[in-house]
Structures are given as C-alpha cells and as structure tokens.
Amino acid sequence: FIRRYRLNARQVHWEPDEFPETEQWQELRQDLVGFPASWMIWEGAPDQQTVDELKKLGIQSLVVDPCGNLPEAGDYLDVMRENVLNFEKAFSQ
C-alpha cells in the first residue's frame, strides 16, 4: 500500500481489534522521534482504547478497508467510496 501509492509512511503491524502491547507502544514512540506521524491507517475499525492512546501522541486514526470480503451492506464500490471519504479527512487538513 505504501509503496504502491508512494506514501510517506512507515508500517506498523498492529491488529485493529487488539490493544497493542507495551513493547509495541515503545517501538512506536521510538519511530516517532525520527519519523513524526499524524495519522495511523487501519484496515478495520481500531479498538477505541488504542485510538485514545494514539490521540495522546497526536496521531489520528483512519480506516481504509481493502474489502477482502463481501461487505455487510452495499458492494465493493460503496466500500471504496467510503475509503475516499476517509482519505479526504486526512488530506484536507
């Protein structure tokens, strides 16, 4: 995703439905020293506690659904339209 769209980003392998372990938070803080970030991109809605902790670090959360499975409502294009709206939130600031 980062390479394909030439994003100025770093990968963090966190699961959206799991609160990151202490070591993962330490690694993120270390990465932020040399690579300040303002957004975390998720494939699914992240745990609210994780979102709250990220906000304390000045990082907002953005969901970009790859639509690997049939959506509960709508179709693939509806999911991609929602992704575009989510990206607009991040890039309009």
PDB file of N, CA and C in Angstrom:
ATOM      1  N   PHE A   1       0.822  -1.182   0.000  1.00  0.00           N
ATOM      2  CA  PHE A   1       0.000   0.000   0.000  1.00  0.00           C
ATOM      3  C   PHE A   1       0.874   1.257   0.000  1.00  0.00           C
ATOM      4  N   ILE A   2       1.841   1.283   0.898  1.00  0.00           N
ATOM      5  CA  ILE A   2       2.746   2.431   0.997  1.00  0.00           C
ATOM      6  C   ILE A   2       3.548   2.594  -0.288  1.00  0.00           C
ATOM      7  N   ARG A   3       4.111   1.496  -0.753  1.00  0.00           N
ATOM      8  CA  ARG A   3       4.938   1.538  -1.963  1.00  0.00           C
ATOM      9  C   ARG A   3       4.084   1.856  -3.191  1.00  0.00           C
ATOM     10  N   ARG A   4       2.932   1.217  -3.291  1.00  0.00           N
ATOM     11  CA  ARG A   4       2.076   1.374  -4.472  1.00  0.00           C
ATOM     12  C   ARG A   4       1.640   2.824  -4.665  1.00  0.00           C
ATOM     13  N   TYR A   5       1.270   3.490  -3.562  1.00  0.00           N
ATOM     14  CA  TYR A   5       0.762   4.854  -3.661  1.00  0.00           C
ATOM     15  C   TYR A   5       1.788   5.911  -3.249  1.00  0.00           C
ATOM     16  N   ARG A   6       3.039   5.449  -3.096  1.00  0.00           N
ATOM     17  CA  ARG A   6       4.166   6.347  -2.793  1.00  0.00           C
ATOM     18  C   ARG A   6       3.862   7.263  -1.606  1.00  0.00           C
ATOM     19  N   LEU A   7       3.363   6.650  -0.553  1.00  0.00           N
ATOM     20  CA  LEU A   7       3.058   7.403   0.655  1.00  0.00           C
ATOM     21  C   LEU A   7       4.316   7.591   1.484  1.00  0.00           C
ATOM     22  N   ASN A   8       4.405   8.714   2.140  1.00  0.00           N
ATOM     23  CA  ASN A   8       5.489   8.973   3.075  1.00  0.00           C
ATOM     24  C   ASN A   8       5.037   8.375   4.408  1.00  0.00           C
ATOM     25  N   ALA A   9       5.285   7.086   4.584  1.00  0.00           N
ATOM     26  CA  ALA A   9       4.735   6.366   5.727  1.00  0.00           C
ATOM     27  C   ALA A   9       5.670   5.239   6.163  1.00  0.00           C
ATOM     28  N   ARG A  10       5.379   4.717   7.322  1.00  0.00           N
ATOM     29  CA  ARG A  10       6.079   3.550   7.854  1.00  0.00           C
ATOM     30  C   ARG A  10       5.035   2.514   8.255  1.00  0.00           C
ATOM     31  N   GLN A  11       5.394   1.248   8.156  1.00  0.00           N
ATOM     32  CA  GLN A  11       4.489   0.173   8.541  1.00  0.00           C
ATOM     33  C   GLN A  11       4.571  -0.110  10.029  1.00  0.00           C
ATOM     34  N   VAL A  12       3.410  -0.302  10.618  1.00  0.00           N
ATOM     35  CA  VAL A  12       3.293  -0.752  12.000  1.00  0.00           C
ATOM     36  C   VAL A  12       2.313  -1.916  11.954  1.00  0.00           C
ATOM     37  N   HIS A  13       2.723  -3.057  12.418  1.00  0.00           N
ATOM     38  CA  HIS A  13       1.880  -4.255  12.319  1.00  0.00           C
ATOM     39  C   HIS A  13       1.048  -4.438  13.581  1.00  0.00           C
ATOM     40  N   TRP A  14      -0.020  -3.674  13.669  1.00  0.00           N
ATOM     41  CA  TRP A  14      -0.947  -3.755  14.793  1.00  0.00           C
ATOM     42  C   TRP A  14      -2.288  -4.270  14.281  1.00  0.00           C
ATOM     43  N   GLU A  15      -2.934  -5.090  15.093  1.00  0.00           N
ATOM     44  CA  GLU A  15      -4.268  -5.582  14.751  1.00  0.00           C
ATOM     45  C   GLU A  15      -5.301  -4.592  15.280  1.00  0.00           C
ATOM     46  N   PRO A  16      -6.284  -4.224  14.464  1.00  0.00           N
ATOM     47  CA  PRO A  16      -7.244  -3.210  14.893  1.00  0.00           C
ATOM     48  C   PRO A  16      -8.093  -3.612  16.105  1.00  0.00           C
ATOM     49  N   ASP A  17      -8.319  -4.899  16.282  1.00  0.00           N
ATOM     50  CA  ASP A  17      -9.185  -5.336  17.380  1.00  0.00           C
ATOM     51  C   ASP A  17      -8.411  -5.746  18.637  1.00  0.00           C
ATOM     52  N   GLU A  18      -7.112  -5.461  18.676  1.00  0.00           N
ATOM     53  CA  GLU A  18      -6.287  -5.798  19.839  1.00  0.00           C
ATOM     54  C   GLU A  18      -5.539  -4.562  20.315  1.00  0.00           C
ATOM     55  N   PHE A  19      -5.527  -4.337  21.620  1.00  0.00           N
ATOM     56  CA  PHE A  19      -4.759  -3.230  22.172  1.00  0.00           C
ATOM     57  C   PHE A  19      -3.279  -3.606  22.119  1.00  0.00           C
ATOM     58  N   PRO A  20      -2.434  -2.751  21.551  1.00  0.00           N
ATOM     59  CA  PRO A  20      -1.011  -3.067  21.410  1.00  0.00           C
ATOM     60  C   PRO A  20      -0.322  -3.283  22.761  1.00  0.00           C
ATOM     61  N   GLU A  21       0.666  -4.146  22.733  1.00  0.00           N
ATOM     62  CA  GLU A  21       1.437  -4.439  23.937  1.00  0.00           C
ATOM     63  C   GLU A  21       2.387  -3.281  24.235  1.00  0.00           C
ATOM     64  N   THR A  22       2.883  -3.231  25.451  1.00  0.00           N
ATOM     65  CA  THR A  22       3.792  -2.173  25.894  1.00  0.00           C
ATOM     66  C   THR A  22       4.975  -2.029  24.950  1.00  0.00           C
ATOM     67  N   GLU A  23       5.545  -3.142  24.528  1.00  0.00           N
ATOM     68  CA  GLU A  23       6.696  -3.111  23.613  1.00  0.00           C
ATOM     69  C   GLU A  23       6.337  -2.425  22.296  1.00  0.00           C
ATOM     70  N   GLN A  24       5.143  -2.661  21.794  1.00  0.00           N
ATOM     71  CA  GLN A  24       4.712  -2.044  20.544  1.00  0.00           C
ATOM     72  C   GLN A  24       4.573  -0.522  20.703  1.00  0.00           C
ATOM     73  N   TRP A  25       4.075  -0.087  21.852  1.00  0.00           N
ATOM     74  CA  TRP A  25       3.966   1.350  22.112  1.00  0.00           C
ATOM     75  C   TRP A  25       5.351   1.965  22.205  1.00  0.00           C
ATOM     76  N   GLN A  26       6.280   1.276  22.825  1.00  0.00           N
ATOM     77  CA  GLN A  26       7.651   1.782  22.930  1.00  0.00           C
ATOM     78  C   GLN A  26       8.286   1.918  21.546  1.00  0.00           C
ATOM     79  N   GLU A  27       8.074   0.913  20.697  1.00  0.00           N
ATOM     80  CA  GLU A  27       8.606   0.966  19.334  1.00  0.00           C
ATOM     81  C   GLU A  27       8.008   2.142  18.556  1.00  0.00           C
ATOM     82  N   LEU A  28       6.712   2.368  18.740  1.00  0.00           N
ATOM     83  CA  LEU A  28       6.068   3.485  18.052  1.00  0.00           C
ATOM     84  C   LEU A  28       6.662   4.808  18.517  1.00  0.00           C
ATOM     85  N   ARG A  29       6.805   4.974  19.810  1.00  0.00           N
ATOM     86  CA  ARG A  29       7.384   6.217  20.331  1.00  0.00           C
ATOM     87  C   ARG A  29       8.796   6.436  19.788  1.00  0.00           C
ATOM     88  N   GLN A  30       9.560   5.358  19.695  1.00  0.00           N
ATOM     89  CA  GLN A  30      10.919   5.439  19.144  1.00  0.00           C
ATOM     90  C   GLN A  30      10.865   5.868  17.675  1.00  0.00           C
ATOM     91  N   ASP A  31       9.969   5.268  16.909  1.00  0.00           N
ATOM     92  CA  ASP A  31       9.820   5.619  15.491  1.00  0.00           C
ATOM     93  C   ASP A  31       9.403   7.073  15.317  1.00  0.00           C
ATOM     94  N   LEU A  32       8.563   7.572  16.215  1.00  0.00           N
ATOM     95  CA  LEU A  32       8.065   8.937  16.097  1.00  0.00           C
ATOM     96  C   LEU A  32       9.160   9.985  16.291  1.00  0.00           C
ATOM     97  N   VAL A  33      10.244   9.604  16.962  1.00  0.00           N
ATOM     98  CA  VAL A  33      11.357  10.540  17.155  1.00  0.00           C
ATOM     99  C   VAL A  33      11.962  10.926  15.807  1.00  0.00           C
ATOM    100  N   GLY A  34      12.211   9.947  14.966  1.00  0.00           N
ATOM    101  CA  GLY A  34      12.829  10.202  13.668  1.00  0.00           C
ATOM    102  C   GLY A  34      11.850  10.327  12.519  1.00  0.00           C
ATOM    103  N   PHE A  35      10.611   9.941  12.759  1.00  0.00           N
ATOM    104  CA  PHE A  35       9.609   9.957  11.698  1.00  0.00           C
ATOM    105  C   PHE A  35       8.271  10.381  12.288  1.00  0.00           C
ATOM    106  N   PRO A  36       8.090  11.689  12.512  1.00  0.00           N
ATOM    107  CA  PRO A  36       6.836  12.147  13.111  1.00  0.00           C
ATOM    108  C   PRO A  36       5.646  11.810  12.216  1.00  0.00           C
ATOM    109  N   ALA A  37       4.589  11.346  12.819  1.00  0.00           N
ATOM    110  CA  ALA A  37       3.395  10.959  12.067  1.00  0.00           C
ATOM    111  C   ALA A  37       2.173  11.617  12.688  1.00  0.00           C
ATOM    112  N   SER A  38       1.159  11.838  11.876  1.00  0.00           N
ATOM    113  CA  SER A  38      -0.078  12.407  12.392  1.00  0.00           C
ATOM    114  C   SER A  38      -1.282  11.508  12.134  1.00  0.00           C
ATOM    115  N   TRP A  39      -1.074  10.439  11.363  1.00  0.00           N
ATOM    116  CA  TRP A  39      -2.169   9.513  11.045  1.00  0.00           C
ATOM    117  C   TRP A  39      -1.706   8.065  11.145  1.00  0.00           C
ATOM    118  N   MET A  40      -2.612   7.208  11.595  1.00  0.00           N
ATOM    119  CA  MET A  40      -2.417   5.755  11.579  1.00  0.00           C
ATOM    120  C   MET A  40      -3.520   5.209  10.678  1.00  0.00           C
ATOM    121  N   ILE A  41      -3.135   4.471   9.647  1.00  0.00           N
ATOM    122  CA  ILE A  41      -4.099   3.894   8.705  1.00  0.00           C
ATOM    123  C   ILE A  41      -4.368   2.449   9.114  1.00  0.00           C
ATOM    124  N   TRP A  42      -5.644   2.130   9.257  1.00  0.00           N
ATOM    125  CA  TRP A  42      -6.084   0.790   9.677  1.00  0.00           C
ATOM    126  C   TRP A  42      -6.886   0.122   8.571  1.00  0.00           C
ATOM    127  N   GLU A  43      -6.862  -1.214   8.549  1.00  0.00           N
ATOM    128  CA  GLU A  43      -7.693  -1.976   7.605  1.00  0.00           C
ATOM    129  C   GLU A  43      -9.090  -2.217   8.158  1.00  0.00           C
ATOM    130  N   GLY A  44      -9.275  -2.017   9.434  1.00  0.00           N
ATOM    131  CA  GLY A  44     -10.565  -2.171  10.093  1.00  0.00           C
ATOM    132  C   GLY A  44     -10.646  -1.183  11.240  1.00  0.00           C
ATOM    133  N   ALA A  45     -11.841  -1.024  11.776  1.00  0.00           N
ATOM    134  CA  ALA A  45     -12.031  -0.069  12.868  1.00  0.00           C
ATOM    135  C   ALA A  45     -11.183  -0.481  14.078  1.00  0.00           C
ATOM    136  N   PRO A  46     -10.317   0.419  14.533  1.00  0.00           N
ATOM    137  CA  PRO A  46      -9.451   0.080  15.664  1.00  0.00           C
ATOM    138  C   PRO A  46     -10.185   0.148  17.000  1.00  0.00           C
ATOM    139  N   ASP A  47      -9.633  -0.557  17.973  1.00  0.00           N
ATOM    140  CA  ASP A  47     -10.113  -0.543  19.346  1.00  0.00           C
ATOM    141  C   ASP A  47     -10.110   0.900  19.860  1.00  0.00           C
ATOM    142  N   GLN A  48     -11.172   1.317  20.527  1.00  0.00           N
ATOM    143  CA  GLN A  48     -11.291   2.704  20.982  1.00  0.00           C
ATOM    144  C   GLN A  48     -10.178   3.089  21.955  1.00  0.00           C
ATOM    145  N   GLN A  49      -9.757   2.172  22.795  1.00  0.00           N
ATOM    146  CA  GLN A  49      -8.668   2.468  23.730  1.00  0.00           C
ATOM    147  C   GLN A  49      -7.379   2.783  22.962  1.00  0.00           C
ATOM    148  N   THR A  50      -7.132   2.060  21.887  1.00  0.00           N
ATOM    149  CA  THR A  50      -5.959   2.320  21.050  1.00  0.00           C
ATOM    150  C   THR A  50      -6.066   3.703  20.409  1.00  0.00           C
ATOM    151  N   VAL A  51      -7.246   4.038  19.890  1.00  0.00           N
ATOM    152  CA  VAL A  51      -7.474   5.344  19.280  1.00  0.00           C
ATOM    153  C   VAL A  51      -7.194   6.447  20.295  1.00  0.00           C
ATOM    154  N   ASP A  52      -7.675   6.272  21.521  1.00  0.00           N
ATOM    155  CA  ASP A  52      -7.482   7.277  22.565  1.00  0.00           C
ATOM    156  C   ASP A  52      -6.005   7.452  22.907  1.00  0.00           C
ATOM    157  N   GLU A  53      -5.264   6.367  22.996  1.00  0.00           N
ATOM    158  CA  GLU A  53      -3.832   6.438  23.302  1.00  0.00           C
ATOM    159  C   GLU A  53      -3.054   7.092  22.164  1.00  0.00           C
ATOM    160  N   LEU A  54      -3.450   6.784  20.928  1.00  0.00           N
ATOM    161  CA  LEU A  54      -2.796   7.413  19.774  1.00  0.00           C
ATOM    162  C   LEU A  54      -3.038   8.918  19.770  1.00  0.00           C
ATOM    163  N   LYS A  55      -4.246   9.331  20.132  1.00  0.00           N
ATOM    164  CA  LYS A  55      -4.558  10.762  20.175  1.00  0.00           C
ATOM    165  C   LYS A  55      -3.648  11.483  21.155  1.00  0.00           C
ATOM    166  N   LYS A  56      -3.307  10.824  22.259  1.00  0.00           N
ATOM    167  CA  LYS A  56      -2.398  11.415  23.240  1.00  0.00           C
ATOM    168  C   LYS A  56      -1.023  11.685  22.630  1.00  0.00           C
ATOM    169  N   LEU A  57      -0.678  10.911  21.598  1.00  0.00           N
ATOM    170  CA  LEU A  57       0.594  11.083  20.889  1.00  0.00           C
ATOM    171  C   LEU A  57       0.451  12.010  19.683  1.00  0.00           C
ATOM    172  N   GLY A  58      -0.761  12.546  19.489  1.00  0.00           N
ATOM    173  CA  GLY A  58      -1.001  13.439  18.357  1.00  0.00           C
ATOM    174  C   GLY A  58      -1.296  12.718  17.058  1.00  0.00           C
ATOM    175  N   ILE A  59      -1.716  11.455  17.166  1.00  0.00           N
ATOM    176  CA  ILE A  59      -1.975  10.650  15.971  1.00  0.00           C
ATOM    177  C   ILE A  59      -3.460  10.342  15.864  1.00  0.00           C
ATOM    178  N   GLN A  60      -4.026  10.634  14.703  1.00  0.00           N
ATOM    179  CA  GLN A  60      -5.415  10.309  14.436  1.00  0.00           C
ATOM    180  C   GLN A  60      -5.497   8.985  13.681  1.00  0.00           C
ATOM    181  N   SER A  61      -6.659   8.363  13.729  1.00  0.00           N
ATOM    182  CA  SER A  61      -6.850   7.070  13.071  1.00  0.00           C
ATOM    183  C   SER A  61      -7.727   7.216  11.839  1.00  0.00           C
ATOM    184  N   LEU A  62      -7.369   6.450  10.805  1.00  0.00           N
ATOM    185  CA  LEU A  62      -8.059   6.476   9.527  1.00  0.00           C
ATOM    186  C   LEU A  62      -8.264   5.033   9.078  1.00  0.00           C
ATOM    187  N   VAL A  63      -9.507   4.669   8.753  1.00  0.00           N
ATOM    188  CA  VAL A  63      -9.798   3.309   8.291  1.00  0.00           C
ATOM    189  C   VAL A  63      -9.866   3.299   6.771  1.00  0.00           C
ATOM    190  N   VAL A  64      -9.082   2.394   6.178  1.00  0.00           N
ATOM    191  CA  VAL A  64      -9.114   2.150   4.740  1.00  0.00           C
ATOM    192  C   VAL A  64      -9.342   0.653   4.571  1.00  0.00           C
ATOM    193  N   ASP A  65     -10.575   0.310   4.238  1.00  0.00           N
ATOM    194  CA  ASP A  65     -10.991  -1.087   4.132  1.00  0.00           C
ATOM    195  C   ASP A  65     -10.583  -1.652   2.779  1.00  0.00           C
ATOM    196  N   PRO A  66      -9.726  -2.698   2.752  1.00  0.00           N
ATOM    197  CA  PRO A  66      -9.320  -3.285   1.470  1.00  0.00           C
ATOM    198  C   PRO A  66     -10.432  -4.101   0.814  1.00  0.00           C
ATOM    199  N   CYS A  67     -11.517  -4.314   1.537  1.00  0.00           N
ATOM    200  CA  CYS A  67     -12.691  -5.036   1.036  1.00  0.00           C
ATOM    201  C   CYS A  67     -12.314  -6.429   0.529  1.00  0.00           C
ATOM    202  N   GLY A  68     -11.578  -7.152   1.368  1.00  0.00           N
ATOM    203  CA  GLY A  68     -11.180  -8.506   1.025  1.00  0.00           C
ATOM    204  C   GLY A  68     -12.328  -9.502   1.108  1.00  0.00           C
ATOM    205  N   ASN A  69     -13.400  -9.114   1.796  1.00  0.00           N
ATOM    206  CA  ASN A  69     -14.584  -9.963   1.932  1.00  0.00           C
ATOM    207  C   ASN A  69     -15.816  -9.185   1.478  1.00  0.00           C
ATOM    208  N   LEU A  70     -16.877  -9.905   1.220  1.00  0.00           N
ATOM    209  CA  LEU A  70     -18.139  -9.291   0.829  1.00  0.00           C
ATOM    210  C   LEU A  70     -18.604  -8.372   1.960  1.00  0.00           C
ATOM    211  N   PRO A  71     -18.863  -7.083   1.673  1.00  0.00           N
ATOM    212  CA  PRO A  71     -19.298  -6.175   2.737  1.00  0.00           C
ATOM    213  C   PRO A  71     -20.682  -6.539   3.253  1.00  0.00           C
ATOM    214  N   GLU A  72     -20.936  -6.186   4.518  1.00  0.00           N
ATOM    215  CA  GLU A  72     -22.243  -6.472   5.124  1.00  0.00           C
ATOM    216  C   GLU A  72     -23.352  -5.702   4.423  1.00  0.00           C
ATOM    217  N   ALA A  73     -23.028  -4.491   3.977  1.00  0.00           N
ATOM    218  CA  ALA A  73     -24.006  -3.671   3.264  1.00  0.00           C
ATOM    219  C   ALA A  73     -23.329  -3.074   2.033  1.00  0.00           C
ATOM    220  N   GLY A  74     -24.081  -2.937   0.964  1.00  0.00           N
ATOM    221  CA  GLY A  74     -23.536  -2.343  -0.248  1.00  0.00           C
ATOM    222  C   GLY A  74     -22.646  -3.304  -1.018  1.00  0.00           C
ATOM    223  N   ASP A  75     -21.738  -2.721  -1.801  1.00  0.00           N
ATOM    224  CA  ASP A  75     -20.851  -3.528  -2.623  1.00  0.00           C
ATOM    225  C   ASP A  75     -19.436  -2.955  -2.577  1.00  0.00           C
ATOM    226  N   TYR A  76     -18.565  -3.491  -3.392  1.00  0.00           N
ATOM    227  CA  TYR A  76     -17.158  -3.084  -3.416  1.00  0.00           C
ATOM    228  C   TYR A  76     -17.012  -1.576  -3.654  1.00  0.00           C
ATOM    229  N   LEU A  77     -17.760  -1.059  -4.613  1.00  0.00           N
ATOM    230  CA  LEU A  77     -17.646   0.371  -4.925  1.00  0.00           C
ATOM    231  C   LEU A  77     -18.096   1.246  -3.764  1.00  0.00           C
ATOM    232  N   ASP A  78     -19.096   0.799  -3.014  1.00  0.00           N
ATOM    233  CA  ASP A  78     -19.523   1.554  -1.836  1.00  0.00           C
ATOM    234  C   ASP A  78     -18.398   1.622  -0.805  1.00  0.00           C
ATOM    235  N   VAL A  79     -17.692   0.506  -0.615  1.00  0.00           N
ATOM    236  CA  VAL A  79     -16.569   0.467   0.330  1.00  0.00           C
ATOM    237  C   VAL A  79     -15.459   1.398  -0.138  1.00  0.00           C
ATOM    238  N   MET A  80     -15.162   1.374  -1.431  1.00  0.00           N
ATOM    239  CA  MET A  80     -14.103   2.244  -1.957  1.00  0.00           C
ATOM    240  C   MET A  80     -14.497   3.717  -1.861  1.00  0.00           C
ATOM    241  N   ARG A  81     -15.765   4.032  -2.062  1.00  0.00           N
ATOM    242  CA  ARG A  81     -16.219   5.421  -1.899  1.00  0.00           C
ATOM    243  C   ARG A  81     -16.033   5.883  -0.452  1.00  0.00           C
ATOM    244  N   GLU A  82     -16.333   4.998   0.479  1.00  0.00           N
ATOM    245  CA  GLU A  82     -16.133   5.312   1.894  1.00  0.00           C
ATOM    246  C   GLU A  82     -14.648   5.527   2.181  1.00  0.00           C
ATOM    247  N   ASN A  83     -13.789   4.724   1.562  1.00  0.00           N
ATOM    248  CA  ASN A  83     -12.341   4.909   1.718  1.00  0.00           C
ATOM    249  C   ASN A  83     -11.905   6.287   1.228  1.00  0.00           C
ATOM    250  N   VAL A  84     -12.443   6.701   0.086  1.00  0.00           N
ATOM    251  CA  VAL A  84     -12.106   8.019  -0.457  1.00  0.00           C
ATOM    252  C   VAL A  84     -12.523   9.115   0.524  1.00  0.00           C
ATOM    253  N   LEU A  85     -13.713   8.996   1.088  1.00  0.00           N
ATOM    254  CA  LEU A  85     -14.169   9.988   2.066  1.00  0.00           C
ATOM    255  C   LEU A  85     -13.243  10.017   3.280  1.00  0.00           C
ATOM    256  N   ASN A  86     -12.805   8.843   3.714  1.00  0.00           N
ATOM    257  CA  ASN A  86     -11.900   8.770   4.856  1.00  0.00           C
ATOM    258  C   ASN A  86     -10.555   9.408   4.524  1.00  0.00           C
ATOM    259  N   PHE A  87     -10.044   9.172   3.322  1.00  0.00           N
ATOM    260  CA  PHE A  87      -8.786   9.793   2.907  1.00  0.00           C
ATOM    261  C   PHE A  87      -8.926  11.318   2.824  1.00  0.00           C
ATOM    262  N   GLU A  88     -10.068  11.782   2.358  1.00  0.00           N
ATOM    263  CA  GLU A  88     -10.285  13.227   2.280  1.00  0.00           C
ATOM    264  C   GLU A  88     -10.170  13.883   3.642  1.00  0.00           C
ATOM    265  N   LYS A  89     -10.604  13.197   4.696  1.00  0.00           N
ATOM    266  CA  LYS A  89     -10.484  13.718   6.049  1.00  0.00           C
ATOM    267  C   LYS A  89      -9.005  13.956   6.387  1.00  0.00           C
ATOM    268  N   ALA A  90      -8.169  13.007   6.020  1.00  0.00           N
ATOM    269  CA  ALA A  90      -6.749  13.101   6.353  1.00  0.00           C
ATOM    270  C   ALA A  90      -6.015  14.119   5.492  1.00  0.00           C
ATOM    271  N   PHE A  91      -6.320  14.165   4.217  1.00  0.00           N
ATOM    272  CA  PHE A  91      -5.567  15.008   3.301  1.00  0.00           C
ATOM    273  C   PHE A  91      -6.127  16.419   3.154  1.00  0.00           C
ATOM    274  N   SER A  92      -7.256  16.680   3.758  1.00  0.00           N
ATOM    275  CA  SER A  92      -7.826  18.029   3.650  1.00  0.00           C
ATOM    276  C   SER A  92      -7.351  18.938   4.782  1.00  0.00           C
ATOM    277  N   GLN A  93      -6.544  18.383   5.685  1.00  0.00           N
ATOM    278  CA  GLN A  93      -6.092  19.184   6.837  1.00  0.00           C
ATOM    279  C   GLN A  93      -4.802  19.877   6.563  1.00  0.00           C
TER     280      GLN A  93
END
